[in-house]
Protein backbone atom coordinates (compact mmCIF):
# COMPACT_ATOMS: atom_id res chain seq x y z
CA MET A 1 -43.64 -73.21 237.94
CA ARG A 2 -41.95 -69.70 237.58
CA GLN A 3 -38.27 -69.40 238.74
CA LEU A 4 -37.33 -66.43 240.97
CA ARG A 5 -34.09 -64.42 240.15
CA THR A 6 -31.66 -63.27 242.82
CA PRO A 7 -31.16 -59.46 242.57
CA LEU A 8 -27.60 -58.34 241.48
CA PRO A 9 -25.49 -56.17 243.82
CA ASP A 10 -25.58 -52.38 243.33
CA GLN A 11 -22.91 -51.47 240.62
CA ARG A 12 -23.37 -47.71 240.52
CA GLY A 13 -19.80 -47.06 242.07
CA ALA A 14 -17.88 -48.63 239.18
CA ALA A 15 -18.06 -45.53 237.01
CA ALA A 16 -16.83 -43.35 239.88
CA LEU A 17 -13.90 -45.70 240.44
CA LEU A 18 -12.95 -45.49 236.80
CA VAL A 19 -13.04 -41.70 236.89
CA VAL A 20 -10.87 -41.63 240.02
CA VAL A 21 -8.32 -43.95 238.41
CA VAL A 22 -8.18 -41.76 235.32
CA LEU A 23 -7.77 -38.64 237.45
CA PHE A 24 -4.98 -40.25 239.44
CA PHE A 25 -3.27 -41.20 236.20
CA ILE A 26 -3.55 -37.65 234.90
CA LEU A 27 -2.28 -36.30 238.21
CA ALA A 28 0.70 -38.69 238.07
CA MET A 29 1.48 -37.55 234.54
CA VAL A 30 1.29 -33.90 235.56
CA THR A 31 3.49 -34.57 238.60
CA ALA A 32 6.03 -36.45 236.49
CA TYR A 33 6.07 -33.64 233.94
CA ALA A 34 6.45 -31.03 236.67
CA GLY A 35 9.25 -33.09 238.23
CA ARG A 36 10.93 -33.31 234.85
CA ASN A 37 10.79 -29.50 234.52
CA LEU A 38 12.09 -29.14 238.06
CA ILE A 39 15.05 -31.42 237.31
CA PHE A 40 15.68 -29.51 234.10
CA GLU A 41 15.60 -26.19 235.96
CA GLN A 42 17.92 -27.56 238.62
CA ARG A 43 20.39 -28.73 236.00
CA THR A 44 20.11 -25.40 234.21
CA SER A 45 20.76 -23.57 237.49
CA VAL A 46 23.78 -25.74 238.22
CA ASN A 47 25.12 -25.15 234.71
CA ASN A 48 24.56 -21.40 235.07
CA GLN A 49 26.29 -21.47 238.44
CA ARG A 50 29.29 -23.30 237.01
CA ALA A 51 29.42 -20.97 234.03
CA ALA A 52 29.31 -17.95 236.39
CA GLN A 53 32.08 -19.51 238.50
CA ALA A 54 34.22 -20.00 235.42
CA PHE A 55 33.58 -16.45 234.25
CA GLU A 56 34.34 -14.91 237.65
CA ALA A 57 37.48 -17.03 237.91
CA ALA A 58 38.60 -15.71 234.52
CA GLU A 59 37.93 -12.12 235.65
CA SER A 60 39.94 -12.82 238.81
CA GLY A 61 42.78 -13.94 236.58
CA LEU A 62 42.88 -10.55 234.85
CA ASP A 63 42.96 -8.68 238.17
CA PHE A 64 45.62 -11.10 239.42
CA ALA A 65 47.80 -10.40 236.36
CA ILE A 66 47.37 -6.63 236.54
CA GLY A 67 48.29 -6.59 240.22
CA LEU A 68 51.39 -8.73 239.79
CA LEU A 69 52.58 -6.76 236.75
CA GLY A 70 53.06 -3.83 239.14
CA SER A 71 54.64 -5.87 241.93
CA GLY A 72 58.19 -6.64 242.97
CA ARG A 73 60.03 -9.96 242.92
CA VAL A 74 57.90 -13.11 243.19
CA ASP A 75 58.74 -16.77 243.72
CA ALA A 76 57.44 -19.85 241.91
CA GLU A 77 54.21 -19.64 243.95
CA CYS A 78 53.54 -16.03 242.87
CA VAL A 79 54.30 -14.82 246.41
CA SER A 80 56.32 -11.66 247.08
CA THR A 81 59.88 -12.56 248.02
CA ASN A 82 63.04 -10.89 249.30
CA ASP A 83 65.17 -13.27 247.25
CA VAL A 84 67.03 -11.04 244.79
CA THR A 85 67.80 -14.04 242.58
CA GLN A 86 64.11 -14.12 241.64
CA ASN A 87 62.77 -11.67 239.07
CA THR A 88 59.53 -9.73 238.95
CA PHE A 89 56.35 -11.08 237.39
CA ARG A 90 56.68 -8.53 234.57
CA GLN A 91 60.30 -9.50 233.89
CA ARG A 92 59.28 -13.15 233.90
CA HIS A 93 56.49 -12.80 231.34
CA LEU A 94 57.14 -9.68 229.25
CA THR A 95 60.08 -8.22 227.38
CA GLN A 96 60.29 -4.94 225.48
CA ASP A 97 62.20 -3.88 222.40
CA PRO A 98 64.17 -0.58 222.30
CA ASN A 99 61.00 1.28 221.27
CA GLY A 100 59.01 0.04 224.25
CA ASN A 101 56.91 -2.51 222.35
CA PHE A 102 56.16 -5.68 224.27
CA VAL A 103 57.57 -8.77 222.62
CA ILE A 104 56.31 -12.20 223.65
CA GLY A 105 57.92 -15.18 222.00
CA GLY A 106 59.93 -18.30 222.59
CA ALA A 107 59.76 -19.68 226.11
CA LEU A 108 57.80 -16.66 227.36
CA ALA A 109 54.85 -17.51 225.14
CA ASN A 110 54.49 -20.91 226.82
CA LEU A 111 54.44 -19.70 230.43
CA ARG A 112 51.05 -20.06 232.08
CA PRO A 113 50.71 -18.60 235.58
CA THR A 114 47.85 -20.53 237.21
CA CYS A 115 45.87 -20.26 240.45
CA MET A 116 43.45 -22.63 242.21
CA LEU A 117 40.87 -20.91 244.41
CA LEU A 118 40.67 -23.16 247.48
CA GLN A 119 38.75 -22.80 250.72
CA GLY A 120 41.86 -21.82 252.64
CA GLY A 121 42.93 -19.30 250.00
CA ALA A 122 44.47 -19.26 246.55
CA ARG A 123 47.32 -21.58 245.62
CA CYS A 124 49.25 -20.34 242.62
CA GLY A 125 52.11 -21.26 240.34
CA CYS A 126 54.30 -18.71 238.52
CA PRO A 127 57.08 -20.79 236.98
CA ALA A 128 60.07 -19.18 235.33
CA VAL A 129 60.17 -22.16 232.94
CA GLY A 130 57.83 -25.04 232.21
CA LEU A 131 54.44 -25.74 233.76
CA PRO A 132 53.11 -24.63 237.16
CA ASP A 133 53.97 -27.02 239.99
CA LEU A 134 50.47 -27.52 241.38
CA ILE A 135 48.80 -30.60 242.87
CA VAL A 136 45.20 -31.21 241.78
CA PRO A 137 43.04 -31.04 244.94
CA VAL A 138 40.19 -33.35 245.89
CA GLY A 139 36.79 -31.82 245.21
CA LEU A 140 35.78 -28.70 243.34
CA ALA A 141 38.30 -25.86 243.05
CA PRO A 142 37.68 -22.99 240.62
CA ALA A 143 40.87 -22.04 238.81
CA PHE A 144 42.29 -19.65 236.22
CA GLN A 145 45.21 -19.61 233.85
CA VAL A 146 46.74 -16.45 232.37
CA ARG A 147 48.79 -15.82 229.27
CA PHE A 148 49.98 -12.74 227.38
CA GLU A 149 50.02 -11.92 223.68
CA SER A 150 51.38 -9.10 221.56
CA PRO A 151 48.39 -7.05 220.38
CA GLY A 152 49.43 -7.08 216.72
CA PHE A 153 50.01 -3.36 216.30
CA ALA A 154 53.11 -1.30 216.91
CA GLN A 155 52.36 0.89 219.89
CA PRO A 156 54.66 1.11 222.89
CA GLY A 157 53.60 -0.31 226.24
CA ILE A 158 50.54 -2.34 225.17
CA VAL A 159 49.97 -6.05 225.72
CA ARG A 160 46.93 -8.32 225.69
CA ALA A 161 46.22 -10.34 228.83
CA ILE A 162 44.06 -13.44 228.36
CA SER A 163 42.59 -15.32 231.29
CA LYS A 164 40.89 -18.71 231.10
CA GLY A 165 38.63 -19.59 234.03
CA CYS A 166 37.45 -23.08 235.02
CA SER A 167 34.56 -23.91 237.37
CA SER A 168 36.81 -26.62 238.81
CA ILE A 169 40.46 -27.37 238.22
CA GLY A 170 40.54 -29.01 234.79
CA SER A 171 42.82 -29.73 231.88
CA GLN A 172 41.78 -26.43 230.31
CA CYS A 173 43.44 -24.61 233.22
CA LEU A 174 46.04 -27.15 234.38
CA ALA A 175 47.61 -29.90 232.32
CA GLY A 176 46.98 -33.39 233.65
CA ALA A 177 43.71 -32.60 235.41
CA PRO A 178 40.30 -33.95 234.27
CA ASN A 179 38.10 -31.76 232.13
CA ALA A 180 36.35 -28.89 233.86
CA ASP A 181 32.54 -28.66 233.84
CA ALA A 182 32.57 -25.07 232.57
CA VAL A 183 35.22 -22.86 230.97
CA ALA A 184 35.23 -19.13 230.22
CA GLU A 185 37.84 -16.94 228.55
CA VAL A 186 38.18 -13.17 228.84
CA SER A 187 40.85 -10.80 227.58
CA VAL A 188 41.74 -7.14 227.82
CA LEU A 189 44.40 -4.82 226.44
CA LEU A 190 46.73 -3.44 229.09
CA GLY A 191 48.65 -0.22 228.64
CA LEU A 192 51.65 1.12 230.51
CA ASN A 193 50.80 4.15 232.63
CA SER A 194 54.31 5.56 232.52
CA ALA A 195 56.19 6.41 235.70
CA LEU A 196 57.60 9.44 233.85
CA SER A 197 55.14 10.51 231.19
CA THR A 198 57.02 13.75 230.34
CA PRO A 199 60.79 13.40 230.83
CA PRO A 200 62.57 16.67 231.69
CA ALA A 201 64.74 18.37 229.09
CA ALA A 202 67.40 19.52 231.56
CA PRO A 203 69.55 17.81 234.18
CA LEU A 204 68.15 20.12 236.89
CA THR A 205 64.60 21.48 236.77
CA VAL A 206 63.33 23.77 239.54
CA ARG A 207 59.80 25.16 239.52
CA SER A 208 60.76 28.31 241.43
CA THR A 209 63.96 29.84 242.78
CA LEU A 210 67.28 27.97 242.87
CA ASN A 211 69.78 28.94 245.58
CA VAL A 212 73.20 27.37 244.97
CA ASN A 213 74.66 28.84 248.22
CA ASN A 214 77.99 29.47 246.45
CA GLY A 215 78.63 25.73 246.31
CA ALA A 216 80.39 23.94 243.46
CA LEU A 217 77.26 22.38 241.98
CA ASN A 218 78.13 20.45 238.79
CA VAL A 219 75.51 20.21 236.06
CA ILE A 220 76.33 18.47 232.77
CA ASN A 221 74.25 18.19 229.59
CA THR A 222 75.96 17.39 226.31
CA ASP A 223 72.76 16.15 224.67
CA VAL A 224 72.22 18.00 221.38
CA PRO A 225 68.44 17.34 220.98
CA THR A 226 67.79 19.16 224.28
CA ARG A 227 70.11 22.03 223.18
CA GLY A 228 72.40 21.30 226.10
CA ILE A 229 70.24 23.13 228.64
CA THR A 230 71.76 22.54 232.08
CA ILE A 231 69.33 24.30 234.44
CA ASP A 232 65.68 25.15 233.83
CA ALA A 233 64.26 27.28 236.66
CA GLY A 234 60.97 29.10 237.02
CA GLY A 235 62.60 31.73 239.22
CA ALA A 236 65.97 33.35 239.70
CA ILE A 237 69.23 31.45 240.19
CA ILE A 238 71.14 33.01 243.05
CA ASN A 239 74.51 32.58 244.79
CA ASP A 240 75.85 30.72 241.77
CA GLY A 241 79.37 32.13 241.70
CA ASN A 242 81.02 28.70 242.03
CA ILE A 243 78.60 26.70 239.93
CA ARG A 244 80.11 24.59 237.16
CA LEU A 245 78.07 24.08 234.00
CA PHE A 246 78.99 21.88 231.03
CA SER A 247 76.91 21.97 227.85
CA THR A 248 77.29 20.96 224.21
CA PRO A 249 80.63 21.72 222.54
CA GLY A 250 80.94 25.42 221.74
CA THR A 251 78.21 26.49 224.17
CA PRO A 252 79.33 28.53 227.19
CA GLY A 253 77.98 27.25 230.48
CA SER A 254 76.27 30.57 231.20
CA ALA A 255 74.36 30.28 227.92
CA SER A 256 72.95 26.88 228.88
CA VAL A 257 70.86 28.20 231.77
CA LEU A 258 67.18 28.98 231.41
CA ALA A 259 66.13 31.13 234.38
CA SER A 260 62.73 32.70 235.11
CA ASP A 261 61.08 30.24 232.73
CA PRO A 262 57.40 31.32 232.55
CA SER A 263 56.28 27.79 231.62
CA LEU A 264 57.47 26.70 235.09
CA SER A 265 56.67 29.76 237.19
CA ALA A 266 53.04 29.65 236.01
CA LEU A 267 52.58 26.18 237.50
CA THR A 268 51.41 25.34 240.98
CA GLU A 269 53.06 22.41 242.74
CA ASP A 270 50.11 20.14 241.92
CA ARG A 271 50.02 21.22 238.29
CA MET A 272 53.73 20.64 237.94
CA PHE A 273 53.37 17.12 239.31
CA VAL A 274 50.61 16.37 236.79
CA SER A 275 52.62 17.88 233.93
CA VAL A 276 55.56 15.56 234.67
CA PHE A 277 53.73 12.36 235.62
CA GLY A 278 50.34 12.64 233.93
CA MET A 279 48.30 12.08 237.12
CA ASP A 280 47.77 13.66 240.50
CA ARG A 281 50.06 12.96 243.44
CA ASP A 282 47.69 10.74 245.45
CA THR A 283 46.88 8.54 242.46
CA TYR A 284 50.55 8.21 241.58
CA ARG A 285 51.56 7.30 245.13
CA SER A 286 48.82 4.64 245.46
CA GLN A 287 49.44 2.92 242.11
CA PRO A 288 50.45 -0.77 242.17
CA ALA A 289 53.95 0.02 240.90
CA ALA A 290 54.76 2.42 243.76
CA VAL A 291 56.64 1.33 246.88
CA ARG A 292 56.45 3.58 249.94
CA VAL A 293 59.37 3.77 252.38
CA ASP A 294 59.03 5.66 255.66
CA CYS A 295 62.44 7.11 256.48
CA ALA A 296 63.75 7.72 260.01
CA GLY A 297 67.40 8.37 260.78
CA ASP A 298 69.82 6.92 258.26
CA CYS A 299 67.55 5.62 255.52
CA ALA A 300 70.25 4.19 253.24
CA LEU A 301 69.61 0.54 254.11
CA ALA A 302 65.82 0.86 253.77
CA ILE A 303 66.22 2.57 250.39
CA ALA A 304 68.72 0.00 249.12
CA THR A 305 66.46 -2.85 250.26
CA ALA A 306 63.41 -1.34 248.56
CA VAL A 307 65.28 -0.82 245.30
CA SER A 308 66.81 -4.31 245.23
CA ARG A 309 63.50 -6.03 245.99
CA ASN A 310 61.48 -3.95 243.52
CA PRO A 311 63.33 -3.43 240.24
CA GLY A 312 61.43 -1.21 237.85
CA ARG A 313 59.06 0.14 240.52
CA VAL A 314 58.66 3.69 241.79
CA ILE A 315 60.34 4.28 245.17
CA TRP A 316 58.48 6.87 247.27
CA LEU A 317 60.44 8.09 250.31
CA GLN A 318 58.39 9.66 253.06
CA GLY A 319 60.93 12.13 254.44
CA PRO A 320 62.79 14.11 255.36
CA VAL A 321 65.45 11.70 254.09
CA THR A 322 68.94 11.23 255.50
CA ILE A 323 71.59 9.07 253.83
CA ASP A 324 74.66 8.45 255.98
CA SER A 325 75.94 5.29 254.27
CA ASN A 326 77.43 4.74 250.82
CA LEU A 327 74.74 3.86 248.33
CA VAL A 328 74.46 2.95 244.65
CA LEU A 329 70.90 2.94 243.33
CA GLY A 330 69.98 1.40 240.01
CA SER A 331 72.00 1.10 236.83
CA ALA A 332 71.85 2.44 233.31
CA ALA A 333 69.81 -0.63 232.30
CA GLU A 334 67.56 -0.57 235.40
CA PRO A 335 67.26 3.05 236.54
CA VAL A 336 65.27 4.19 239.59
CA MET A 337 62.41 6.67 239.81
CA LEU A 338 63.08 8.10 243.28
CA PHE A 339 60.73 10.45 245.15
CA VAL A 340 61.77 12.37 248.24
CA GLN A 341 58.95 14.00 250.18
CA GLY A 342 60.82 16.66 252.16
CA ASP A 343 64.44 17.66 252.54
CA LEU A 344 67.33 15.42 251.47
CA THR A 345 70.61 15.23 253.42
CA VAL A 346 73.49 13.12 252.09
CA SER A 347 76.71 12.65 254.08
CA ALA A 348 78.15 9.68 252.18
CA ASN A 349 78.85 8.59 248.63
CA LEU A 350 75.60 8.40 246.68
CA GLN A 351 75.24 7.38 243.05
CA LEU A 352 71.78 7.33 241.49
CA PHE A 353 70.97 6.12 237.99
CA GLY A 354 67.53 7.57 237.44
CA VAL A 355 65.43 10.58 238.38
CA LEU A 356 65.31 12.35 241.74
CA TYR A 357 62.04 14.19 242.29
CA GLN A 358 61.93 16.30 245.45
CA HIS A 359 58.76 17.82 246.89
CA ASN A 360 56.98 18.50 250.17
CA GLY A 361 53.48 19.63 249.24
CA LEU A 362 53.64 22.41 251.84
CA GLY A 363 54.76 25.26 249.62
CA ALA A 364 58.01 25.68 251.59
CA ALA A 365 61.48 25.77 250.08
CA LEU A 366 63.27 22.43 249.76
CA THR A 367 66.83 21.74 250.86
CA TRP A 368 69.26 19.32 249.27
CA SER A 369 72.42 19.03 251.37
CA THR A 370 75.53 17.06 250.44
CA THR A 371 77.74 17.49 253.49
CA ALA A 372 80.28 14.72 252.80
CA GLY A 373 81.23 12.24 250.12
CA SER A 374 80.27 12.59 246.48
CA THR A 375 76.74 12.65 245.14
CA VAL A 376 76.27 11.82 241.45
CA ILE A 377 72.92 11.61 239.69
CA GLN A 378 72.99 10.18 236.19
CA GLY A 379 69.62 11.04 234.71
CA ALA A 380 67.94 14.17 236.07
CA ALA A 381 66.79 15.98 239.22
CA ILE A 382 63.52 17.86 239.64
CA ALA A 383 62.38 20.14 242.48
CA GLU A 384 58.69 20.89 242.83
CA GLY A 385 59.23 24.24 244.59
CA SER A 386 62.15 26.47 245.46
CA LEU A 387 65.38 24.56 246.03
CA SER A 388 68.41 25.30 248.18
CA VAL A 389 71.47 23.21 247.29
CA LEU A 390 74.25 22.88 249.85
CA GLY A 391 77.51 21.23 248.80
CA ALA A 392 78.71 20.02 245.43
CA PRO A 393 76.49 17.30 243.96
CA THR A 394 76.91 16.35 240.30
CA ILE A 395 73.96 15.94 237.93
CA ILE A 396 74.63 14.36 234.53
CA PHE A 397 71.81 14.42 232.00
CA ASP A 398 71.26 10.93 230.57
CA PRO A 399 68.50 10.71 227.94
CA GLY A 400 68.85 6.91 227.79
CA VAL A 401 67.99 6.60 231.49
CA LEU A 402 64.99 8.90 231.09
CA ARG A 403 63.78 6.98 228.05
CA THR A 404 64.03 3.67 229.91
CA ILE A 405 61.91 4.98 232.78
CA ASN A 406 59.43 6.52 230.36
CA LEU A 407 58.96 3.38 228.26
CA THR A 408 59.31 0.55 230.78
CA GLN A 409 58.35 1.68 234.28
CA GLY A 410 54.92 2.34 235.76
CA SER A 411 51.67 0.43 236.30
CA MET A 412 49.78 -1.63 233.75
CA VAL A 413 46.13 -0.55 233.47
CA ARG A 414 43.12 -1.69 231.47
CA ILE A 415 42.52 0.14 228.21
CA PRO A 416 38.81 1.13 228.08
CA GLY A 417 36.79 -0.62 225.42
CA SER A 418 39.27 -3.49 224.92
CA TRP A 419 37.62 -6.09 227.17
CA ARG A 420 36.42 -9.28 225.45
CA ASP A 421 34.76 -12.45 226.69
CA PHE A 422 35.97 -14.54 223.77
CA ALA A 423 39.33 -15.41 222.32
CA ALA A 424 41.15 -12.50 220.73
CA GLY A 425 41.47 -14.27 217.38
CA SER A 426 37.87 -15.42 217.09
């Protein structure tokens, strides 16, 4: 008897299932690989972001240093202060030898002004000694640390500023903090843009006519290298019957005057300004090292305050200027570069160690009146146009004062082509 077989179920879908499983496996592998690339790209982007933060923080450090090198007195938090017991940022970090070369050694070499860039603004430390007094914040806080080095070649007024930037506050930028995720270092040579690029060779320099008004003006120059010239004027010197001139031994006062000097008379007011200061008037007035004082009434207190708070900076007086109170400005060691825009009237005792530059920019004659007290300028006086002197001020030529202003005062600026994004010694 023949046995009947039961037919098997249809198995044609098994192959399709296998193909689908394989495809799903391949798709999972592709997805995993794509996810791996995505994670890699994300990490790369984060690293690039942190590196850019560190670099920009380092660049900020350079701008921070340049700005403060032209500022007045600052406290331990790098903030401008009226406290005259504090010194300026430049005095705190840089010293110069008699030839104007920056010298950085000893305790100065270990000072590290540091800033943390927080959401509410920067928090900085500019210690006079030791380390910055900063508290490490919670969370990310880009930071920078600045130091200065001598450039290694003998040229006056040049220093290297080095800024280290951190993507977050780290031990590289602040001792005691954890390591930063990214660090960048940039440096640049800074040069002194002198506040008096071409010192005058006479106690009194007048671009045009000088009218003494028969007053007893005293002008003294016993400096042999300048040939004892007392007055250098581009025009005539009139009403000078009572003038008193003192030159080098053996030189009559009348022989020490240089009138109708063609090198002065050929200049316009703007060209004379550039010839003395090496830049135009607007640029000079807006430089970081310039302090502007708007004078109204007796300006003695405002001038004295500006000078005491800003040693080594240019004082620009928006005049006309009146001084009715006794005033001593500067010293032989810390002279003052003083600008008067307009007429100057002094009715008290005034002693200035430095340079008085008088101008108005309007082409009109300038007036310098000393109606009471004694006015003594130890350094030099310069008039940008014609000058009328009333009274008996005394001008004593002091080459040491002029040299100090020339070599130590002015703004620090970047030297083109000196920027580096690696350590100076590498």
